[in-house]
Amino acid sequence: MTRMETPPRSYSRFESVMTVRPDDIDMHQHVHSSRYQDYVLAARYDQMARCYGVSMEEFIALGLGWFVNTSHIEYKRPLLMGDQFRVRTWVESFADKVVRIGFEILREPSGKISCHGWCDYTLVNLTTSRATEIPAWIVEKYSV
């Protein structure tokens, strides 16, 4: 990440509850590693509208989109067919064109961590396909 626009601080954490589906399972009978990234993306999509008040559709209407440019996941415990789990996400920091989102995926009902990590999302102008500065109004909306 580049220059910080906001000083380090603590941001709100939001949760989305999901269930492992049959098509999430790999040949070892647990959730395939790639699906955890899908879970984080689905949770962020849900939380953008529900928790931050700006849906992905609103970003698209403004000609903006979020692209994952880096992700890091540490796997602790597998999720299995039919498991319910909670995806908890939060803003860790803002930079010029990037927001870092931290996450945990917690197995229910125990609350034990299945995996945790972070993703860097770059704000992109959908017309030019180029990274663009994160406007102050987005930083404000996400700074809850």
Protein backbone atom coordinates (compact mmCIF):
# COMPACT_ATOMS: atom_id res chain seq x y z
CA MET A 1 0.00 0.00 0.00
CA THR A 2 1.07 3.57 -0.57
CA ARG A 3 0.58 6.82 1.33
CA MET A 4 -1.97 6.54 4.14
CA GLU A 5 -4.97 8.84 3.82
CA THR A 6 -6.26 8.10 7.28
CA PRO A 7 -4.32 7.47 10.47
CA PRO A 8 -4.42 3.90 11.77
CA ARG A 9 -7.62 3.36 13.72
CA SER A 10 -10.15 0.75 14.58
CA TYR A 11 -13.11 0.26 12.23
CA SER A 12 -16.40 -1.55 12.75
CA ARG A 13 -16.60 -5.28 12.09
CA PHE A 14 -19.55 -6.69 10.20
CA GLU A 15 -20.76 -10.27 9.77
CA SER A 16 -22.59 -12.34 7.18
CA VAL A 17 -23.82 -15.88 7.90
CA MET A 18 -23.58 -18.54 5.19
CA THR A 19 -23.82 -22.30 4.73
CA VAL A 20 -21.43 -24.61 2.88
CA ARG A 21 -23.06 -25.86 -0.32
CA PRO A 22 -22.40 -29.15 -2.13
CA ASP A 23 -20.55 -27.41 -4.97
CA ASP A 24 -18.08 -25.90 -2.44
CA ILE A 25 -16.68 -29.35 -1.56
CA ASP A 26 -13.44 -30.70 -3.05
CA MET A 27 -12.20 -34.29 -3.47
CA HIS A 28 -10.99 -34.32 0.15
CA GLN A 29 -14.59 -33.73 1.34
CA HIS A 30 -14.02 -30.25 2.72
CA VAL A 31 -14.39 -26.76 1.26
CA HIS A 32 -11.95 -26.11 -1.58
CA SER A 33 -9.41 -23.39 -0.77
CA SER A 34 -10.65 -21.13 -3.58
CA ARG A 35 -14.16 -21.00 -2.08
CA TYR A 36 -12.96 -19.11 1.01
CA GLN A 37 -12.11 -16.16 -1.23
CA ASP A 38 -15.61 -16.46 -2.75
CA TYR A 39 -17.10 -16.34 0.76
CA VAL A 40 -15.23 -13.13 1.57
CA LEU A 41 -16.36 -11.53 -1.70
CA ALA A 42 -19.99 -12.57 -1.09
CA ALA A 43 -19.85 -11.16 2.45
CA ARG A 44 -18.39 -7.86 1.24
CA TYR A 45 -21.11 -7.62 -1.42
CA ASP A 46 -23.76 -8.14 1.29
CA GLN A 47 -22.12 -5.78 3.75
CA MET A 48 -21.51 -2.95 1.26
CA ALA A 49 -25.25 -2.32 1.00
CA ARG A 50 -26.44 -3.54 4.38
CA CYS A 51 -23.72 -2.11 6.64
CA TYR A 52 -22.03 0.74 4.73
CA GLY A 53 -25.06 1.99 2.81
CA VAL A 54 -23.41 1.88 -0.63
CA SER A 55 -24.23 -1.17 -2.75
CA MET A 56 -21.98 -2.54 -5.47
CA GLU A 57 -24.69 -1.55 -7.96
CA GLU A 58 -24.30 2.08 -6.81
CA PHE A 59 -20.54 1.93 -7.38
CA ILE A 60 -21.14 0.51 -10.87
CA ALA A 61 -23.68 3.26 -11.64
CA LEU A 62 -20.94 5.77 -10.72
CA GLY A 63 -18.54 4.02 -13.10
CA LEU A 64 -16.47 2.53 -10.26
CA GLY A 65 -15.52 -1.00 -9.30
CA TRP A 66 -13.38 -2.81 -6.75
CA PHE A 67 -10.72 -5.28 -7.90
CA VAL A 68 -8.77 -7.58 -5.62
CA ASN A 69 -5.09 -6.99 -6.26
CA THR A 70 -3.64 -8.98 -3.33
CA SER A 71 -5.05 -11.51 -0.91
CA HIS A 72 -3.60 -13.48 1.96
CA ILE A 73 -5.41 -16.38 3.65
CA GLU A 74 -4.25 -18.54 6.55
CA TYR A 75 -6.21 -21.77 6.84
CA LYS A 76 -6.77 -23.14 10.35
CA ARG A 77 -9.70 -25.60 10.26
CA PRO A 78 -11.68 -26.98 7.34
CA LEU A 79 -15.32 -26.25 6.71
CA LEU A 80 -17.39 -29.30 5.78
CA MET A 81 -20.58 -30.00 3.85
CA GLY A 82 -23.55 -28.27 5.47
CA ASP A 83 -21.51 -26.29 8.01
CA GLN A 84 -22.82 -22.87 8.90
CA PHE A 85 -20.19 -20.18 9.19
CA ARG A 86 -19.83 -16.48 9.83
CA VAL A 87 -17.70 -14.20 7.64
CA ARG A 88 -16.50 -11.22 9.68
CA THR A 89 -14.85 -8.34 7.78
CA TRP A 90 -13.51 -4.90 8.60
CA VAL A 91 -11.51 -2.07 7.08
CA GLU A 92 -7.88 -2.23 8.20
CA SER A 93 -6.56 0.82 6.33
CA PHE A 94 -6.94 3.16 3.38
CA ALA A 95 -4.27 4.25 0.90
CA ASP A 96 -4.49 6.42 -2.23
CA LYS A 97 -6.33 3.89 -4.41
CA VAL A 98 -6.50 0.85 -2.11
CA VAL A 99 -8.48 -0.28 0.89
CA ARG A 100 -7.23 -3.24 2.95
CA ILE A 101 -10.01 -5.45 4.29
CA GLY A 102 -9.32 -7.90 7.11
CA PHE A 103 -11.48 -10.99 7.52
CA GLU A 104 -12.16 -14.08 9.59
CA ILE A 105 -14.32 -17.04 8.72
CA LEU A 106 -15.71 -18.60 11.87
CA ARG A 107 -17.31 -22.03 12.05
CA GLU A 108 -20.68 -22.15 13.81
CA PRO A 109 -21.73 -22.84 16.46
CA SER A 110 -18.25 -23.11 18.04
CA GLY A 111 -16.99 -19.75 16.74
CA LYS A 112 -13.59 -21.32 16.02
CA ILE A 113 -11.59 -19.71 13.23
CA SER A 114 -11.61 -21.66 9.98
CA CYS A 115 -9.35 -19.11 8.27
CA HIS A 116 -8.34 -15.47 8.47
CA GLY A 117 -6.46 -12.96 6.38
CA TRP A 118 -6.74 -9.76 4.38
CA CYS A 119 -7.40 -8.50 0.86
CA ASP A 120 -6.31 -5.30 -0.85
CA TYR A 121 -9.04 -3.88 -3.08
CA THR A 122 -8.15 -1.25 -5.67
CA LEU A 123 -10.81 1.25 -6.75
CA VAL A 124 -11.02 1.24 -10.55
CA ASN A 125 -12.65 3.55 -13.06
CA LEU A 126 -14.76 1.12 -15.14
CA THR A 127 -14.56 3.29 -18.27
CA THR A 128 -10.76 3.45 -18.37
CA SER A 129 -10.02 0.24 -16.42
CA ARG A 130 -7.43 2.25 -14.48
CA ALA A 131 -6.95 2.58 -10.74
CA THR A 132 -8.41 5.78 -9.33
CA GLU A 133 -8.09 7.70 -6.06
CA ILE A 134 -10.59 6.71 -3.38
CA PRO A 135 -12.82 9.78 -2.93
CA ALA A 136 -13.29 11.27 0.54
CA TRP A 137 -17.00 10.34 0.56
CA ILE A 138 -16.11 6.62 0.23
CA VAL A 139 -13.53 6.86 3.03
CA GLU A 140 -16.21 8.55 5.16
CA LYS A 141 -18.84 5.86 4.38
CA TYR A 142 -16.40 3.06 5.21
CA SER A 143 -15.09 4.79 8.37
CA VAL A 144 -17.78 3.50 10.69
